Amino acid sequence: MSVIFLEFRPLCSEKEFSQYWRSLRNRHKKEGLIMQSDLFKVREGLFLGQVEFENTQRSNVLSYYDSKESKSDTLQGMCKSIRMIYTAIRVQ
């Protein structure tokens, strides 16, 4: 299993962003794209996201979560910036 850590600076409110994150997590888990994701508030206007996925889904996950497209229905469209901090492989 692999994990990516992302830094988000949303344009919307904390409530809107966390609701979007939950709906995204539920949809992506249902589709089998990810296994788990968590969102952490670092401080006002700054969040850390953790996304866990199977290695076979790596390119799909990175193309969505690290996308530079600015469509309003994507993470990039909801954020001032998204920065991928780390990708890692879970040690068992």
PDB file of N, CA and C in Angstrom:
ATOM      1  N   MET A   1       0.827  -1.179   0.000  1.00  0.00           N
ATOM      2  CA  MET A   1       0.000   0.000   0.000  1.00  0.00           C
ATOM      3  C   MET A   1       0.874   1.247   0.000  1.00  0.00           C
ATOM      4  N   SER A   2       0.390   2.246  -0.677  1.00  0.00           N
ATOM      5  CA  SER A   2       1.089   3.527  -0.738  1.00  0.00           C
ATOM      6  C   SER A   2       0.236   4.610  -0.103  1.00  0.00           C
ATOM      7  N   VAL A   3       0.902   5.666   0.314  1.00  0.00           N
ATOM      8  CA  VAL A   3       0.232   6.800   0.938  1.00  0.00           C
ATOM      9  C   VAL A   3       0.817   8.075   0.349  1.00  0.00           C
ATOM     10  N   ILE A   4      -0.047   9.058   0.073  1.00  0.00           N
ATOM     11  CA  ILE A   4       0.446  10.382  -0.292  1.00  0.00           C
ATOM     12  C   ILE A   4      -0.031  11.367   0.766  1.00  0.00           C
ATOM     13  N   PHE A   5       0.792  12.379   0.990  1.00  0.00           N
ATOM     14  CA  PHE A   5       0.469  13.455   1.921  1.00  0.00           C
ATOM     15  C   PHE A   5       0.443  14.746   1.124  1.00  0.00           C
ATOM     16  N   LEU A   6      -0.649  15.489   1.259  1.00  0.00           N
ATOM     17  CA  LEU A   6      -0.844  16.711   0.484  1.00  0.00           C
ATOM     18  C   LEU A   6      -1.183  17.877   1.400  1.00  0.00           C
ATOM     19  N   GLU A   7      -0.703  19.052   1.024  1.00  0.00           N
ATOM     20  CA  GLU A   7      -1.018  20.278   1.752  1.00  0.00           C
ATOM     21  C   GLU A   7      -2.038  21.062   0.936  1.00  0.00           C
ATOM     22  N   PHE A   8      -3.136  21.448   1.570  1.00  0.00           N
ATOM     23  CA  PHE A   8      -4.214  22.178   0.895  1.00  0.00           C
ATOM     24  C   PHE A   8      -4.410  23.550   1.520  1.00  0.00           C
ATOM     25  N   ARG A   9      -4.606  24.552   0.668  1.00  0.00           N
ATOM     26  CA  ARG A   9      -5.005  25.897   1.095  1.00  0.00           C
ATOM     27  C   ARG A   9      -6.310  26.216   0.358  1.00  0.00           C
ATOM     28  N   PRO A  10      -7.448  25.851   0.977  1.00  0.00           N
ATOM     29  CA  PRO A  10      -8.734  25.998   0.284  1.00  0.00           C
ATOM     30  C   PRO A  10      -9.184  27.449   0.121  1.00  0.00           C
ATOM     31  N   LEU A  11      -9.942  27.680  -0.938  1.00  0.00           N
ATOM     32  CA  LEU A  11     -10.561  28.984  -1.194  1.00  0.00           C
ATOM     33  C   LEU A  11     -11.884  29.119  -0.449  1.00  0.00           C
ATOM     34  N   CYS A  12     -12.475  28.001  -0.086  1.00  0.00           N
ATOM     35  CA  CYS A  12     -13.793  27.989   0.555  1.00  0.00           C
ATOM     36  C   CYS A  12     -13.642  27.874   2.075  1.00  0.00           C
ATOM     37  N   SER A  13     -14.760  27.804   2.758  1.00  0.00           N
ATOM     38  CA  SER A  13     -14.742  27.682   4.217  1.00  0.00           C
ATOM     39  C   SER A  13     -14.261  26.290   4.639  1.00  0.00           C
ATOM     40  N   GLU A  14     -13.850  26.203   5.889  1.00  0.00           N
ATOM     41  CA  GLU A  14     -13.413  24.928   6.453  1.00  0.00           C
ATOM     42  C   GLU A  14     -14.530  23.886   6.362  1.00  0.00           C
ATOM     43  N   LYS A  15     -15.749  24.298   6.665  1.00  0.00           N
ATOM     44  CA  LYS A  15     -16.895  23.386   6.628  1.00  0.00           C
ATOM     45  C   LYS A  15     -17.134  22.860   5.215  1.00  0.00           C
ATOM     46  N   GLU A  16     -17.127  23.765   4.234  1.00  0.00           N
ATOM     47  CA  GLU A  16     -17.322  23.358   2.832  1.00  0.00           C
ATOM     48  C   GLU A  16     -16.241  22.393   2.381  1.00  0.00           C
ATOM     49  N   PHE A  17     -14.989  22.708   2.713  1.00  0.00           N
ATOM     50  CA  PHE A  17     -13.870  21.881   2.276  1.00  0.00           C
ATOM     51  C   PHE A  17     -13.929  20.501   2.924  1.00  0.00           C
ATOM     52  N   SER A  18     -14.215  20.430   4.221  1.00  0.00           N
ATOM     53  CA  SER A  18     -14.275  19.129   4.885  1.00  0.00           C
ATOM     54  C   SER A  18     -15.455  18.294   4.376  1.00  0.00           C
ATOM     55  N   GLN A  19     -16.577  18.935   4.057  1.00  0.00           N
ATOM     56  CA  GLN A  19     -17.713  18.209   3.473  1.00  0.00           C
ATOM     57  C   GLN A  19     -17.346  17.662   2.093  1.00  0.00           C
ATOM     58  N   TYR A  20     -16.661  18.477   1.296  1.00  0.00           N
ATOM     59  CA  TYR A  20     -16.223  18.028  -0.028  1.00  0.00           C
ATOM     60  C   TYR A  20     -15.261  16.850   0.113  1.00  0.00           C
ATOM     61  N   TRP A  21     -14.330  16.950   1.054  1.00  0.00           N
ATOM     62  CA  TRP A  21     -13.355  15.882   1.276  1.00  0.00           C
ATOM     63  C   TRP A  21     -14.068  14.577   1.641  1.00  0.00           C
ATOM     64  N   ARG A  22     -15.052  14.649   2.527  1.00  0.00           N
ATOM     65  CA  ARG A  22     -15.796  13.440   2.922  1.00  0.00           C
ATOM     66  C   ARG A  22     -16.538  12.828   1.736  1.00  0.00           C
ATOM     67  N   SER A  23     -17.176  13.658   0.925  1.00  0.00           N
ATOM     68  CA  SER A  23     -17.904  13.125  -0.234  1.00  0.00           C
ATOM     69  C   SER A  23     -16.935  12.516  -1.243  1.00  0.00           C
ATOM     70  N   LEU A  24     -15.783  13.149  -1.412  1.00  0.00           N
ATOM     71  CA  LEU A  24     -14.752  12.635  -2.310  1.00  0.00           C
ATOM     72  C   LEU A  24     -14.227  11.296  -1.803  1.00  0.00           C
ATOM     73  N   ARG A  25     -13.951  11.219  -0.497  1.00  0.00           N
ATOM     74  CA  ARG A  25     -13.460   9.974   0.101  1.00  0.00           C
ATOM     75  C   ARG A  25     -14.473   8.851  -0.110  1.00  0.00           C
ATOM     76  N   ASN A  26     -15.738   9.120   0.171  1.00  0.00           N
ATOM     77  CA  ASN A  26     -16.766   8.084   0.009  1.00  0.00           C
ATOM     78  C   ASN A  26     -16.872   7.620  -1.437  1.00  0.00           C
ATOM     79  N   ARG A  27     -16.850   8.557  -2.376  1.00  0.00           N
ATOM     80  CA  ARG A  27     -16.945   8.209  -3.797  1.00  0.00           C
ATOM     81  C   ARG A  27     -15.730   7.398  -4.242  1.00  0.00           C
ATOM     82  N   HIS A  28     -14.537   7.835  -3.869  1.00  0.00           N
ATOM     83  CA  HIS A  28     -13.324   7.145  -4.308  1.00  0.00           C
ATOM     84  C   HIS A  28     -13.168   5.773  -3.647  1.00  0.00           C
ATOM     85  N   LYS A  29     -13.615   5.629  -2.406  1.00  0.00           N
ATOM     86  CA  LYS A  29     -13.587   4.307  -1.769  1.00  0.00           C
ATOM     87  C   LYS A  29     -14.558   3.363  -2.472  1.00  0.00           C
ATOM     88  N   LYS A  30     -15.744   3.866  -2.791  1.00  0.00           N
ATOM     89  CA  LYS A  30     -16.762   3.062  -3.477  1.00  0.00           C
ATOM     90  C   LYS A  30     -16.268   2.611  -4.850  1.00  0.00           C
ATOM     91  N   GLU A  31     -15.547   3.495  -5.552  1.00  0.00           N
ATOM     92  CA  GLU A  31     -15.007   3.183  -6.879  1.00  0.00           C
ATOM     93  C   GLU A  31     -13.766   2.302  -6.807  1.00  0.00           C
ATOM     94  N   GLY A  32     -13.190   2.124  -5.615  1.00  0.00           N
ATOM     95  CA  GLY A  32     -11.987   1.319  -5.463  1.00  0.00           C
ATOM     96  C   GLY A  32     -10.706   2.061  -5.779  1.00  0.00           C
ATOM     97  N   LEU A  33     -10.778   3.368  -5.919  1.00  0.00           N
ATOM     98  CA  LEU A  33      -9.588   4.166  -6.227  1.00  0.00           C
ATOM     99  C   LEU A  33      -8.673   4.279  -5.016  1.00  0.00           C
ATOM    100  N   ILE A  34      -9.258   4.457  -3.835  1.00  0.00           N
ATOM    101  CA  ILE A  34      -8.469   4.586  -2.607  1.00  0.00           C
ATOM    102  C   ILE A  34      -8.967   3.592  -1.571  1.00  0.00           C
ATOM    103  N   MET A  35      -8.148   3.386  -0.545  1.00  0.00           N
ATOM    104  CA  MET A  35      -8.551   2.540   0.574  1.00  0.00           C
ATOM    105  C   MET A  35      -9.043   3.400   1.733  1.00  0.00           C
ATOM    106  N   GLN A  36      -8.368   4.519   1.964  1.00  0.00           N
ATOM    107  CA  GLN A  36      -8.714   5.395   3.075  1.00  0.00           C
ATOM    108  C   GLN A  36      -8.140   6.775   2.806  1.00  0.00           C
ATOM    109  N   SER A  37      -8.772   7.789   3.373  1.00  0.00           N
ATOM    110  CA  SER A  37      -8.193   9.132   3.335  1.00  0.00           C
ATOM    111  C   SER A  37      -8.610   9.875   4.589  1.00  0.00           C
ATOM    112  N   ASP A  38      -7.737  10.743   5.044  1.00  0.00           N
ATOM    113  CA  ASP A  38      -7.993  11.541   6.236  1.00  0.00           C
ATOM    114  C   ASP A  38      -7.603  12.975   5.956  1.00  0.00           C
ATOM    115  N   LEU A  39      -8.283  13.886   6.625  1.00  0.00           N
ATOM    116  CA  LEU A  39      -8.011  15.311   6.483  1.00  0.00           C
ATOM    117  C   LEU A  39      -7.733  15.880   7.864  1.00  0.00           C
ATOM    118  N   PHE A  40      -6.640  16.643   7.985  1.00  0.00           N
ATOM    119  CA  PHE A  40      -6.235  17.238   9.248  1.00  0.00           C
ATOM    120  C   PHE A  40      -6.121  18.747   9.085  1.00  0.00           C
ATOM    121  N   LYS A  41      -6.610  19.472  10.062  1.00  0.00           N
ATOM    122  CA  LYS A  41      -6.463  20.928  10.052  1.00  0.00           C
ATOM    123  C   LYS A  41      -5.159  21.269  10.764  1.00  0.00           C
ATOM    124  N   VAL A  42      -4.251  21.926  10.052  1.00  0.00           N
ATOM    125  CA  VAL A  42      -2.979  22.340  10.628  1.00  0.00           C
ATOM    126  C   VAL A  42      -3.177  23.665  11.363  1.00  0.00           C
ATOM    127  N   ARG A  43      -3.799  24.601  10.682  1.00  0.00           N
ATOM    128  CA  ARG A  43      -4.170  25.900  11.250  1.00  0.00           C
ATOM    129  C   ARG A  43      -5.227  26.498  10.333  1.00  0.00           C
ATOM    130  N   GLU A  44      -5.717  27.667  10.660  1.00  0.00           N
ATOM    131  CA  GLU A  44      -6.746  28.317   9.844  1.00  0.00           C
ATOM    132  C   GLU A  44      -6.270  28.434   8.397  1.00  0.00           C
ATOM    133  N   GLY A  45      -7.027  27.853   7.475  1.00  0.00           N
ATOM    134  CA  GLY A  45      -6.708  27.958   6.058  1.00  0.00           C
ATOM    135  C   GLY A  45      -5.649  27.004   5.541  1.00  0.00           C
ATOM    136  N   LEU A  46      -5.223  26.037   6.372  1.00  0.00           N
ATOM    137  CA  LEU A  46      -4.197  25.080   5.952  1.00  0.00           C
ATOM    138  C   LEU A  46      -4.566  23.681   6.444  1.00  0.00           C
ATOM    139  N   PHE A  47      -4.649  22.744   5.507  1.00  0.00           N
ATOM    140  CA  PHE A  47      -5.023  21.371   5.817  1.00  0.00           C
ATOM    141  C   PHE A  47      -3.976  20.405   5.284  1.00  0.00           C
ATOM    142  N   LEU A  48      -3.885  19.251   5.930  1.00  0.00           N
ATOM    143  CA  LEU A  48      -3.029  18.164   5.485  1.00  0.00           C
ATOM    144  C   LEU A  48      -3.934  16.989   5.162  1.00  0.00           C
ATOM    145  N   GLY A  49      -3.811  16.461   3.950  1.00  0.00           N
ATOM    146  CA  GLY A  49      -4.591  15.305   3.541  1.00  0.00           C
ATOM    147  C   GLY A  49      -3.695  14.088   3.417  1.00  0.00           C
ATOM    148  N   GLN A  50      -4.213  12.944   3.826  1.00  0.00           N
ATOM    149  CA  GLN A  50      -3.504  11.676   3.710  1.00  0.00           C
ATOM    150  C   GLN A  50      -4.397  10.738   2.915  1.00  0.00           C
ATOM    151  N   VAL A  51      -3.860  10.158   1.843  1.00  0.00           N
ATOM    152  CA  VAL A  51      -4.636   9.268   0.983  1.00  0.00           C
ATOM    153  C   VAL A  51      -3.881   7.949   0.856  1.00  0.00           C
ATOM    154  N   GLU A  52      -4.548   6.851   1.221  1.00  0.00           N
ATOM    155  CA  GLU A  52      -3.948   5.522   1.157  1.00  0.00           C
ATOM    156  C   GLU A  52      -4.576   4.748   0.003  1.00  0.00           C
ATOM    157  N   PHE A  53      -3.736   4.069  -0.780  1.00  0.00           N
ATOM    158  CA  PHE A  53      -4.226   3.378  -1.972  1.00  0.00           C
ATOM    159  C   PHE A  53      -3.334   2.196  -2.306  1.00  0.00           C
ATOM    160  N   GLU A  54      -3.868   1.290  -3.115  1.00  0.00           N
ATOM    161  CA  GLU A  54      -3.089   0.153  -3.615  1.00  0.00           C
ATOM    162  C   GLU A  54      -2.110   0.657  -4.668  1.00  0.00           C
ATOM    163  N   ASN A  55      -0.952   0.037  -4.734  1.00  0.00           N
ATOM    164  CA  ASN A  55       0.076   0.458  -5.695  1.00  0.00           C
ATOM    165  C   ASN A  55      -0.422   0.414  -7.136  1.00  0.00           C
ATOM    166  N   THR A  56      -1.358  -0.489  -7.433  1.00  0.00           N
ATOM    167  CA  THR A  56      -1.886  -0.594  -8.798  1.00  0.00           C
ATOM    168  C   THR A  56      -2.688   0.642  -9.202  1.00  0.00           C
ATOM    169  N   GLN A  57      -3.148   1.413  -8.236  1.00  0.00           N
ATOM    170  CA  GLN A  57      -3.936   2.623  -8.510  1.00  0.00           C
ATOM    171  C   GLN A  57      -3.092   3.897  -8.477  1.00  0.00           C
ATOM    172  N   ARG A  58      -1.797   3.765  -8.349  1.00  0.00           N
ATOM    173  CA  ARG A  58      -0.907   4.914  -8.149  1.00  0.00           C
ATOM    174  C   ARG A  58      -1.098   6.021  -9.188  1.00  0.00           C
ATOM    175  N   SER A  59      -1.043   5.689 -10.457  1.00  0.00           N
ATOM    176  CA  SER A  59      -1.141   6.731 -11.493  1.00  0.00           C
ATOM    177  C   SER A  59      -2.515   7.398 -11.476  1.00  0.00           C
ATOM    178  N   ASN A  60      -3.578   6.621 -11.229  1.00  0.00           N
ATOM    179  CA  ASN A  60      -4.924   7.204 -11.153  1.00  0.00           C
ATOM    180  C   ASN A  60      -5.059   8.153  -9.966  1.00  0.00           C
ATOM    181  N   VAL A  61      -4.540   7.740  -8.821  1.00  0.00           N
ATOM    182  CA  VAL A  61      -4.626   8.566  -7.613  1.00  0.00           C
ATOM    183  C   VAL A  61      -3.823   9.850  -7.792  1.00  0.00           C
ATOM    184  N   LEU A  62      -2.599   9.726  -8.273  1.00  0.00           N
ATOM    185  CA  LEU A  62      -1.767  10.917  -8.455  1.00  0.00           C
ATOM    186  C   LEU A  62      -2.351  11.854  -9.498  1.00  0.00           C
ATOM    187  N   SER A  63      -2.952  11.305 -10.550  1.00  0.00           N
ATOM    188  CA  SER A  63      -3.530  12.179 -11.575  1.00  0.00           C
ATOM    189  C   SER A  63      -4.731  12.947 -11.033  1.00  0.00           C
ATOM    190  N   TYR A  64      -5.437  12.394 -10.057  1.00  0.00           N
ATOM    191  CA  TYR A  64      -6.567  13.124  -9.478  1.00  0.00           C
ATOM    192  C   TYR A  64      -6.123  14.072  -8.366  1.00  0.00           C
ATOM    193  N   TYR A  65      -5.426  13.549  -7.378  1.00  0.00           N
ATOM    194  CA  TYR A  65      -5.109  14.350  -6.197  1.00  0.00           C
ATOM    195  C   TYR A  65      -3.995  15.366  -6.435  1.00  0.00           C
ATOM    196  N   ASP A  66      -3.144  15.135  -7.400  1.00  0.00           N
ATOM    197  CA  ASP A  66      -2.070  16.090  -7.688  1.00  0.00           C
ATOM    198  C   ASP A  66      -2.316  16.802  -9.014  1.00  0.00           C
ATOM    199  N   SER A  67      -3.556  16.796  -9.475  1.00  0.00           N
ATOM    200  CA  SER A  67      -3.917  17.417 -10.751  1.00  0.00           C
ATOM    201  C   SER A  67      -3.732  18.924 -10.704  1.00  0.00           C
ATOM    202  N   LYS A  68      -3.289  19.489 -11.809  1.00  0.00           N
ATOM    203  CA  LYS A  68      -3.117  20.946 -11.914  1.00  0.00           C
ATOM    204  C   LYS A  68      -4.266  21.588 -12.681  1.00  0.00           C
ATOM    205  N   GLU A  69      -5.307  20.802 -13.010  1.00  0.00           N
ATOM    206  CA  GLU A  69      -6.475  21.350 -13.700  1.00  0.00           C
ATOM    207  C   GLU A  69      -7.225  22.265 -12.748  1.00  0.00           C
ATOM    208  N   SER A  70      -7.794  23.323 -13.272  1.00  0.00           N
ATOM    209  CA  SER A  70      -8.483  24.280 -12.399  1.00  0.00           C
ATOM    210  C   SER A  70     -10.003  24.210 -12.528  1.00  0.00           C
ATOM    211  N   LYS A  71     -10.536  23.054 -12.877  1.00  0.00           N
ATOM    212  CA  LYS A  71     -11.991  22.891 -12.949  1.00  0.00           C
ATOM    213  C   LYS A  71     -12.579  23.062 -11.550  1.00  0.00           C
ATOM    214  N   SER A  72     -13.746  23.652 -11.475  1.00  0.00           N
ATOM    215  CA  SER A  72     -14.342  23.942 -10.169  1.00  0.00           C
ATOM    216  C   SER A  72     -14.761  22.692  -9.404  1.00  0.00           C
ATOM    217  N   ASP A  73     -14.953  21.559 -10.099  1.00  0.00           N
ATOM    218  CA  ASP A  73     -15.375  20.344  -9.403  1.00  0.00           C
ATOM    219  C   ASP A  73     -14.201  19.469  -8.987  1.00  0.00           C
ATOM    220  N   THR A  74     -12.991  19.993  -9.081  1.00  0.00           N
ATOM    221  CA  THR A  74     -11.811  19.250  -8.655  1.00  0.00           C
ATOM    222  C   THR A  74     -11.226  19.894  -7.415  1.00  0.00           C
ATOM    223  N   LEU A  75     -10.340  19.178  -6.770  1.00  0.00           N
ATOM    224  CA  LEU A  75      -9.656  19.745  -5.609  1.00  0.00           C
ATOM    225  C   LEU A  75      -8.930  21.034  -5.978  1.00  0.00           C
ATOM    226  N   GLN A  76      -8.283  21.045  -7.135  1.00  0.00           N
ATOM    227  CA  GLN A  76      -7.531  22.233  -7.546  1.00  0.00           C
ATOM    228  C   GLN A  76      -8.453  23.439  -7.697  1.00  0.00           C
ATOM    229  N   GLY A  77      -9.654  23.214  -8.175  1.00  0.00           N
ATOM    230  CA  GLY A  77     -10.604  24.306  -8.331  1.00  0.00           C
ATOM    231  C   GLY A  77     -11.093  24.875  -7.010  1.00  0.00           C
ATOM    232  N   MET A  78     -10.981  24.089  -5.938  1.00  0.00           N
ATOM    233  CA  MET A  78     -11.433  24.534  -4.617  1.00  0.00           C
ATOM    234  C   MET A  78     -10.314  25.131  -3.772  1.00  0.00           C
ATOM    235  N   CYS A  79      -9.084  25.092  -4.282  1.00  0.00           N
ATOM    236  CA  CYS A  79      -7.936  25.486  -3.459  1.00  0.00           C
ATOM    237  C   CYS A  79      -7.084  26.565  -4.110  1.00  0.00           C
ATOM    238  N   LYS A  80      -6.500  27.414  -3.253  1.00  0.00           N
ATOM    239  CA  LYS A  80      -5.493  28.373  -3.720  1.00  0.00           C
ATOM    240  C   LYS A  80      -4.276  27.594  -4.189  1.00  0.00           C
ATOM    241  N   SER A  81      -3.918  26.569  -3.397  1.00  0.00           N
ATOM    242  CA  SER A  81      -2.772  25.746  -3.762  1.00  0.00           C
ATOM    243  C   SER A  81      -2.914  24.351  -3.171  1.00  0.00           C
ATOM    244  N   ILE A  82      -2.324  23.408  -3.890  1.00  0.00           N
ATOM    245  CA  ILE A  82      -2.191  22.033  -3.415  1.00  0.00           C
ATOM    246  C   ILE A  82      -0.735  21.665  -3.638  1.00  0.00           C
ATOM    247  N   ARG A  83      -0.115  21.155  -2.595  1.00  0.00           N
ATOM    248  CA  ARG A  83       1.288  20.768  -2.715  1.00  0.00           C
ATOM    249  C   ARG A  83       1.427  19.337  -2.223  1.00  0.00           C
ATOM    250  N   MET A  84       1.969  18.471  -3.084  1.00  0.00           N
ATOM    251  CA  MET A  84       2.231  17.107  -2.651  1.00  0.00           C
ATOM    252  C   MET A  84       3.509  17.147  -1.823  1.00  0.00           C
ATOM    253  N   ILE A  85       3.407  16.684  -0.592  1.00  0.00           N
ATOM    254  CA  ILE A  85       4.545  16.739   0.315  1.00  0.00           C
ATOM    255  C   ILE A  85       5.365  15.461   0.220  1.00  0.00           C
ATOM    256  N   TYR A  86       4.700  14.306   0.337  1.00  0.00           N
ATOM    257  CA  TYR A  86       5.398  13.025   0.303  1.00  0.00           C
ATOM    258  C   TYR A  86       4.537  11.971  -0.358  1.00  0.00           C
ATOM    259  N   THR A  87       5.208  10.996  -0.948  1.00  0.00           N
ATOM    260  CA  THR A  87       4.575   9.721  -1.262  1.00  0.00           C
ATOM    261  C   THR A  87       5.379   8.691  -0.491  1.00  0.00           C
ATOM    262  N   ALA A  88       4.714   7.704   0.051  1.00  0.00           N
ATOM    263  CA  ALA A  88       5.399   6.714   0.873  1.00  0.00           C
ATOM    264  C   ALA A  88       4.740   5.359   0.690  1.00  0.00           C
ATOM    265  N   ILE A  89       5.460   4.327   1.047  1.00  0.00           N
ATOM    266  CA  ILE A  89       4.938   2.965   1.038  1.00  0.00           C
ATOM    267  C   ILE A  89       4.819   2.523   2.485  1.00  0.00           C
ATOM    268  N   ARG A  90       3.641   1.996   2.836  1.00  0.00           N
ATOM    269  CA  ARG A  90       3.403   1.568   4.220  1.00  0.00           C
ATOM    270  C   ARG A  90       4.288   0.366   4.548  1.00  0.00           C
ATOM    271  N   VAL A  91       4.964   0.434   5.690  1.00  0.00           N
ATOM    272  CA  VAL A  91       5.793  -0.664   6.178  1.00  0.00           C
ATOM    273  C   VAL A  91       4.934  -1.512   7.104  1.00  0.00           C
ATOM    274  N   GLN A  92       4.893  -2.798   6.831  1.00  0.00           N
ATOM    275  CA  GLN A  92       4.059  -3.704   7.642  1.00  0.00           C
ATOM    276  C   GLN A  92       4.809  -4.209   8.842  1.00  0.00           C
TER     277      GLN A  92
END
